[in-house]
N, C-alpha and C. Protein backbone atom coordinates (compact mmCIF):
# COMPACT_ATOMS: atom_id res chain seq x y z
N MET A 1 39.12 187.19 74.46
CA MET A 1 39.06 188.03 73.33
C MET A 1 40.33 187.82 72.67
N ASP A 2 40.27 187.99 71.50
CA ASP A 2 41.60 187.80 70.69
C ASP A 2 41.57 188.93 69.67
N CYS A 3 42.70 189.79 69.77
CA CYS A 3 42.78 190.75 68.81
C CYS A 3 44.23 191.29 68.47
N GLY A 4 44.45 192.24 67.77
CA GLY A 4 45.77 192.69 67.29
C GLY A 4 45.66 193.83 66.40
N CYS A 5 46.90 194.15 65.82
CA CYS A 5 46.95 195.37 65.08
C CYS A 5 48.10 195.16 64.05
N THR A 6 48.32 196.17 63.19
CA THR A 6 49.49 196.23 62.14
C THR A 6 50.22 197.26 62.48
N VAL A 7 51.64 197.43 62.52
CA VAL A 7 52.37 198.45 62.75
C VAL A 7 53.55 198.27 61.76
N HIS A 8 53.67 199.18 60.82
CA HIS A 8 54.88 199.09 59.91
C HIS A 8 54.88 197.78 59.18
N GLY A 9 53.51 197.31 58.84
CA GLY A 9 53.55 195.97 58.18
C GLY A 9 53.56 194.77 59.02
N TYR A 10 54.00 194.70 60.24
CA TYR A 10 54.09 193.68 61.14
C TYR A 10 52.79 193.46 61.95
N GLN A 11 52.52 192.16 62.26
CA GLN A 11 51.32 191.89 62.79
C GLN A 11 51.43 191.58 64.50
N SER A 12 50.30 191.86 65.24
CA SER A 12 50.41 191.54 66.47
C SER A 12 49.22 190.55 66.79
N ASP A 13 49.28 189.89 67.74
CA ASP A 13 48.18 188.96 68.15
C ASP A 13 48.15 188.65 69.65
N ILE A 14 47.32 189.16 70.14
CA ILE A 14 47.03 189.01 71.70
C ILE A 14 45.57 188.44 72.12
N SER A 15 45.64 187.56 72.92
CA SER A 15 44.42 187.04 73.57
C SER A 15 44.23 187.12 74.99
N ARG A 16 43.22 187.60 75.53
CA ARG A 16 42.79 187.95 76.97
C ARG A 16 41.66 187.29 77.37
N THR A 17 41.59 186.76 78.67
CA THR A 17 40.59 186.36 79.31
C THR A 17 40.17 186.93 80.64
N TRP A 18 38.89 187.38 80.89
CA TRP A 18 38.53 188.08 82.11
C TRP A 18 37.33 187.19 82.79
N VAL A 19 37.52 187.43 84.21
CA VAL A 19 36.41 186.81 84.79
C VAL A 19 35.61 188.03 85.49
N PHE A 20 34.28 187.91 85.40
CA PHE A 20 33.49 189.14 85.95
C PHE A 20 33.01 188.64 87.39
N GLY A 21 33.38 189.44 88.38
CA GLY A 21 33.16 189.00 89.70
C GLY A 21 34.27 188.15 90.28
N GLN A 22 34.03 187.35 91.20
CA GLN A 22 35.12 186.59 91.79
C GLN A 22 35.36 185.36 91.07
N ALA A 23 36.54 184.90 90.83
CA ALA A 23 37.09 183.86 90.05
C ALA A 23 36.62 182.50 91.03
N SER A 24 36.02 181.68 90.56
CA SER A 24 35.85 180.31 91.30
C SER A 24 37.17 179.50 91.34
N ALA A 25 37.19 178.52 92.26
CA ALA A 25 38.30 177.62 92.32
C ALA A 25 38.60 176.95 91.03
N ARG A 26 37.69 176.62 90.37
CA ARG A 26 37.90 175.89 88.98
C ARG A 26 38.64 176.90 87.98
N GLN A 27 38.23 178.07 88.00
CA GLN A 27 38.66 179.11 87.03
C GLN A 27 40.10 179.53 87.42
N ARG A 28 40.44 179.69 88.71
CA ARG A 28 41.75 179.78 89.23
C ARG A 28 42.59 178.51 88.61
N LYS A 29 42.16 177.32 88.93
CA LYS A 29 42.84 176.29 88.38
C LYS A 29 43.35 176.16 87.05
N VAL A 30 42.27 176.58 86.16
CA VAL A 30 42.44 176.47 84.61
C VAL A 30 43.45 177.70 84.30
N TRP A 31 43.35 178.86 85.05
CA TRP A 31 44.27 179.93 84.77
C TRP A 31 45.66 179.39 85.04
N SER A 32 45.84 178.75 86.40
CA SER A 32 47.27 178.35 86.88
C SER A 32 47.69 177.18 85.87
N THR A 33 46.95 176.53 85.30
CA THR A 33 47.28 175.33 84.34
C THR A 33 47.91 176.01 83.04
N VAL A 34 47.15 177.00 82.58
CA VAL A 34 47.55 177.50 81.28
C VAL A 34 48.80 178.45 81.62
N LYS A 35 48.91 178.95 82.75
CA LYS A 35 50.16 179.84 83.06
C LYS A 35 51.18 178.83 83.03
N ARG A 36 51.19 177.62 83.72
CA ARG A 36 52.25 176.47 83.74
C ARG A 36 52.52 176.11 82.36
N GLY A 37 51.52 176.05 81.50
CA GLY A 37 51.80 175.55 80.14
C GLY A 37 52.77 176.84 79.49
N GLN A 38 52.30 177.97 79.60
CA GLN A 38 53.29 179.10 79.13
C GLN A 38 54.64 179.05 79.71
N GLU A 39 54.91 178.55 80.99
CA GLU A 39 56.10 178.53 81.44
C GLU A 39 56.94 177.20 80.72
N ILE A 40 56.22 176.24 80.70
CA ILE A 40 56.84 174.97 79.81
C ILE A 40 57.25 175.46 78.53
N THR A 41 56.37 176.09 77.75
CA THR A 41 56.81 176.60 76.28
C THR A 41 58.06 177.37 76.39
N LEU A 42 58.29 178.26 77.44
CA LEU A 42 59.47 179.08 77.40
C LEU A 42 60.69 178.37 77.85
N GLU A 43 60.39 177.24 78.79
CA GLU A 43 61.52 176.36 79.20
C GLU A 43 62.04 175.35 78.30
N THR A 44 60.97 175.05 77.40
CA THR A 44 61.34 173.95 76.32
C THR A 44 62.11 174.61 75.00
N ALA A 45 61.65 175.92 74.78
CA ALA A 45 62.04 176.56 73.51
C ALA A 45 63.59 176.79 73.63
N LYS A 46 64.35 176.00 72.73
CA LYS A 46 65.80 176.01 72.59
C LYS A 46 66.19 176.12 71.16
N LEU A 47 67.11 176.93 70.83
CA LEU A 47 67.36 177.07 69.41
C LEU A 47 67.88 175.62 68.85
N GLY A 48 67.30 175.35 67.57
CA GLY A 48 67.53 174.01 66.97
C GLY A 48 66.51 173.02 67.17
N LEU A 49 65.88 173.11 68.44
CA LEU A 49 64.92 172.09 68.54
C LEU A 49 63.57 172.18 67.75
N PRO A 50 63.14 171.15 67.23
CA PRO A 50 61.95 171.04 66.34
C PRO A 50 60.84 171.60 67.03
N VAL A 51 60.17 172.63 66.53
CA VAL A 51 59.27 173.28 67.36
C VAL A 51 57.93 172.52 67.67
N GLY A 52 57.71 171.49 66.97
CA GLY A 52 56.68 170.46 67.34
C GLY A 52 56.80 170.00 68.80
N ARG A 53 58.11 169.75 69.32
CA ARG A 53 58.57 169.22 70.43
C ARG A 53 57.96 170.29 71.70
N ILE A 54 57.86 171.57 71.29
CA ILE A 54 57.30 172.57 72.28
C ILE A 54 55.94 172.15 72.66
N ASP A 55 55.14 172.02 71.52
CA ASP A 55 53.67 171.68 71.69
C ASP A 55 53.70 170.29 72.47
N ASP A 56 54.37 169.25 72.12
CA ASP A 56 54.37 167.92 72.91
C ASP A 56 54.74 167.99 74.27
N ALA A 57 55.79 168.89 74.77
CA ALA A 57 55.85 169.13 76.10
C ALA A 57 54.53 169.65 76.82
N VAL A 58 54.16 170.76 76.22
CA VAL A 58 53.04 171.49 76.89
C VAL A 58 51.94 170.56 76.95
N ARG A 59 51.56 169.86 75.85
CA ARG A 59 50.48 169.01 75.76
C ARG A 59 50.79 167.74 76.95
N ARG A 60 51.86 167.20 76.99
CA ARG A 60 52.14 166.25 78.12
C ARG A 60 51.56 166.78 79.36
N TYR A 61 52.01 168.03 79.79
CA TYR A 61 51.57 168.57 81.10
C TYR A 61 50.02 168.58 81.15
N TYR A 62 49.49 169.25 80.03
CA TYR A 62 47.85 169.24 80.12
C TYR A 62 47.24 168.07 80.28
N GLU A 63 47.85 166.90 79.64
CA GLU A 63 47.17 165.58 79.84
C GLU A 63 47.37 165.09 81.11
N GLY A 64 48.47 165.31 81.72
CA GLY A 64 48.77 165.02 83.05
C GLY A 64 47.94 165.73 84.06
N GLU A 65 47.32 166.91 83.83
CA GLU A 65 46.49 167.54 84.58
C GLU A 65 44.90 167.22 84.27
N GLY A 66 44.74 166.24 83.13
CA GLY A 66 43.52 165.67 83.04
C GLY A 66 42.77 166.38 81.85
N TRP A 67 43.38 166.96 81.02
CA TRP A 67 43.00 167.68 79.85
C TRP A 67 43.37 166.95 78.51
N GLY A 68 42.55 166.83 77.62
CA GLY A 68 42.67 166.17 76.46
C GLY A 68 42.05 164.77 76.48
N PRO A 69 42.56 163.73 75.87
CA PRO A 69 43.90 163.66 75.42
C PRO A 69 44.21 164.16 74.06
N GLY A 70 45.41 164.31 73.79
CA GLY A 70 45.63 164.87 72.06
C GLY A 70 44.95 166.26 72.07
N TYR A 71 44.26 166.31 71.18
CA TYR A 71 43.69 167.72 70.65
C TYR A 71 42.20 167.83 71.00
N LYS A 72 41.72 166.90 72.00
CA LYS A 72 40.37 166.64 72.26
C LYS A 72 40.20 167.95 73.39
N LEU A 73 38.94 168.50 73.23
CA LEU A 73 38.61 169.53 74.39
C LEU A 73 37.89 168.73 75.43
N PRO A 74 38.00 169.32 76.67
CA PRO A 74 38.85 170.34 77.09
C PRO A 74 40.33 170.15 77.07
N GLY A 75 40.99 171.00 76.76
CA GLY A 75 42.59 171.22 76.76
C GLY A 75 42.94 171.98 75.71
N LEU A 76 44.12 171.88 75.30
CA LEU A 76 44.70 172.69 74.36
C LEU A 76 44.14 172.15 72.96
N SER A 77 43.33 172.96 72.43
CA SER A 77 42.58 172.62 71.22
C SER A 77 43.27 172.33 69.86
N HIS A 78 44.48 173.20 69.54
CA HIS A 78 44.91 173.08 68.36
C HIS A 78 46.30 172.99 68.33
N ARG A 79 47.14 173.95 69.09
CA ARG A 79 48.54 174.08 69.02
C ARG A 79 49.02 175.07 70.16
N THR A 80 49.94 174.82 70.44
CA THR A 80 50.62 175.64 71.49
C THR A 80 50.77 177.30 71.10
N GLY A 81 51.27 177.42 69.66
CA GLY A 81 51.56 178.78 69.20
C GLY A 81 51.97 178.74 67.75
N HIS A 82 52.20 179.93 67.19
CA HIS A 82 52.40 179.90 65.79
C HIS A 82 53.53 181.06 65.59
N GLY A 83 54.24 181.04 64.60
CA GLY A 83 54.82 182.02 64.05
C GLY A 83 54.33 183.54 63.84
N ILE A 84 54.72 184.67 64.05
CA ILE A 84 54.12 185.92 63.72
C ILE A 84 55.21 186.69 63.27
N GLY A 85 54.70 187.74 62.47
CA GLY A 85 55.54 188.65 61.78
C GLY A 85 54.88 189.53 60.72
N LEU A 86 55.15 189.30 59.57
CA LEU A 86 54.39 190.13 58.35
C LEU A 86 52.93 189.49 58.38
N ASP A 87 52.79 188.22 58.79
CA ASP A 87 51.39 187.85 58.82
C ASP A 87 51.03 187.27 60.34
N GLY A 88 49.84 187.30 60.52
CA GLY A 88 49.27 187.15 61.97
C GLY A 88 49.64 185.60 62.20
N HIS A 89 49.51 184.82 61.40
CA HIS A 89 49.70 183.17 61.70
C HIS A 89 50.76 182.85 60.47
N GLU A 90 51.83 182.47 60.91
CA GLU A 90 52.86 182.06 59.87
C GLU A 90 53.69 180.90 60.42
N PRO A 91 54.42 180.11 59.58
CA PRO A 91 55.42 179.21 60.06
C PRO A 91 56.32 179.73 61.07
N ALA A 92 57.08 179.36 61.92
CA ALA A 92 56.60 177.95 62.16
C ALA A 92 55.54 177.67 63.23
N TYR A 93 54.84 176.61 63.14
CA TYR A 93 53.75 176.37 64.04
C TYR A 93 54.21 175.41 65.24
N LEU A 94 53.91 176.05 66.40
CA LEU A 94 54.19 174.99 67.66
C LEU A 94 52.95 174.12 67.81
N VAL A 95 53.32 173.12 67.02
CA VAL A 95 52.09 171.91 67.01
C VAL A 95 52.78 170.63 66.70
N HIS A 96 52.21 169.67 67.09
CA HIS A 96 52.92 168.19 67.00
C HIS A 96 53.21 167.98 65.55
N GLY A 97 54.43 167.77 65.42
CA GLY A 97 54.81 167.08 64.00
C GLY A 97 55.49 168.26 63.09
N ASP A 98 55.54 169.43 63.56
CA ASP A 98 56.47 170.56 63.06
C ASP A 98 57.71 170.30 63.15
N THR A 99 58.45 169.74 62.45
CA THR A 99 59.94 169.59 62.36
C THR A 99 60.85 170.93 62.13
N SER A 100 60.21 171.95 62.07
CA SER A 100 61.06 173.45 61.72
C SER A 100 61.73 173.73 63.09
N PRO A 101 63.21 173.60 62.56
CA PRO A 101 64.11 173.93 63.90
C PRO A 101 63.80 175.34 64.53
N LEU A 102 63.78 175.78 65.57
CA LEU A 102 63.68 177.04 66.34
C LEU A 102 64.90 177.72 65.92
N GLN A 103 64.78 178.94 65.42
CA GLN A 103 66.08 179.62 64.96
C GLN A 103 66.01 181.02 65.42
N ALA A 104 67.14 181.58 65.62
CA ALA A 104 67.18 182.97 66.24
C ALA A 104 66.40 183.94 65.40
N GLY A 105 65.70 184.67 65.91
CA GLY A 105 64.89 185.80 65.18
C GLY A 105 63.46 185.33 65.10
N MET A 106 63.05 183.98 65.28
CA MET A 106 61.64 183.54 65.17
C MET A 106 60.89 184.21 66.23
N CYS A 107 59.63 184.77 65.87
CA CYS A 107 58.86 185.33 67.09
C CYS A 107 57.66 184.32 66.96
N PHE A 108 57.12 184.13 68.25
CA PHE A 108 55.75 183.40 68.42
C PHE A 108 55.36 184.00 69.67
N PRO A 109 53.75 184.08 69.81
CA PRO A 109 53.15 184.68 70.88
C PRO A 109 53.09 183.32 71.92
N THR A 110 53.14 183.62 73.22
CA THR A 110 52.89 182.52 74.00
C THR A 110 51.52 182.64 74.45
N ASN A 111 51.20 181.49 75.36
CA ASN A 111 49.78 181.28 75.56
C ASN A 111 48.88 182.54 76.17
N ARG A 112 49.41 183.12 77.10
CA ARG A 112 48.97 184.28 77.60
C ARG A 112 49.71 185.08 78.85
N GLU A 113 49.31 186.17 78.92
CA GLU A 113 49.91 187.01 80.21
C GLU A 113 48.78 187.66 80.97
N SER A 114 48.46 187.30 81.92
CA SER A 114 47.40 187.99 82.58
C SER A 114 47.37 187.63 84.07
N THR A 115 46.51 188.25 84.99
CA THR A 115 46.56 187.93 86.36
C THR A 115 45.27 188.16 86.88
N PHE A 116 44.94 187.52 88.06
CA PHE A 116 43.76 187.83 88.67
C PHE A 116 44.04 189.09 89.60
N ARG A 117 42.87 189.70 89.75
CA ARG A 117 42.79 190.88 90.61
C ARG A 117 41.71 190.81 91.67
């Protein structure tokens, strides 16, 4: 599920996934893989770094887990993230080749925050 809202002209963007019933071992593995991708995003994001390198780091991990390669499904289909603010999707894009340097004040949603219960 992907949704959001507008507050004082600023956009939100949130995605969530649910499993009805008990999660299978494969579903738990996928969840853990995406969670690690989010951790790599936050570990890699450093001021001044070209944002495309964040996507490259996450994609290397996913490919090492057997997803992909590149932008092929299953795996990370299009990008690790995108800027968010007055528009729901705005530069910089956390995608291979984006050379925009990460700067103080830039905001981007990470892959997801969720848990199995």
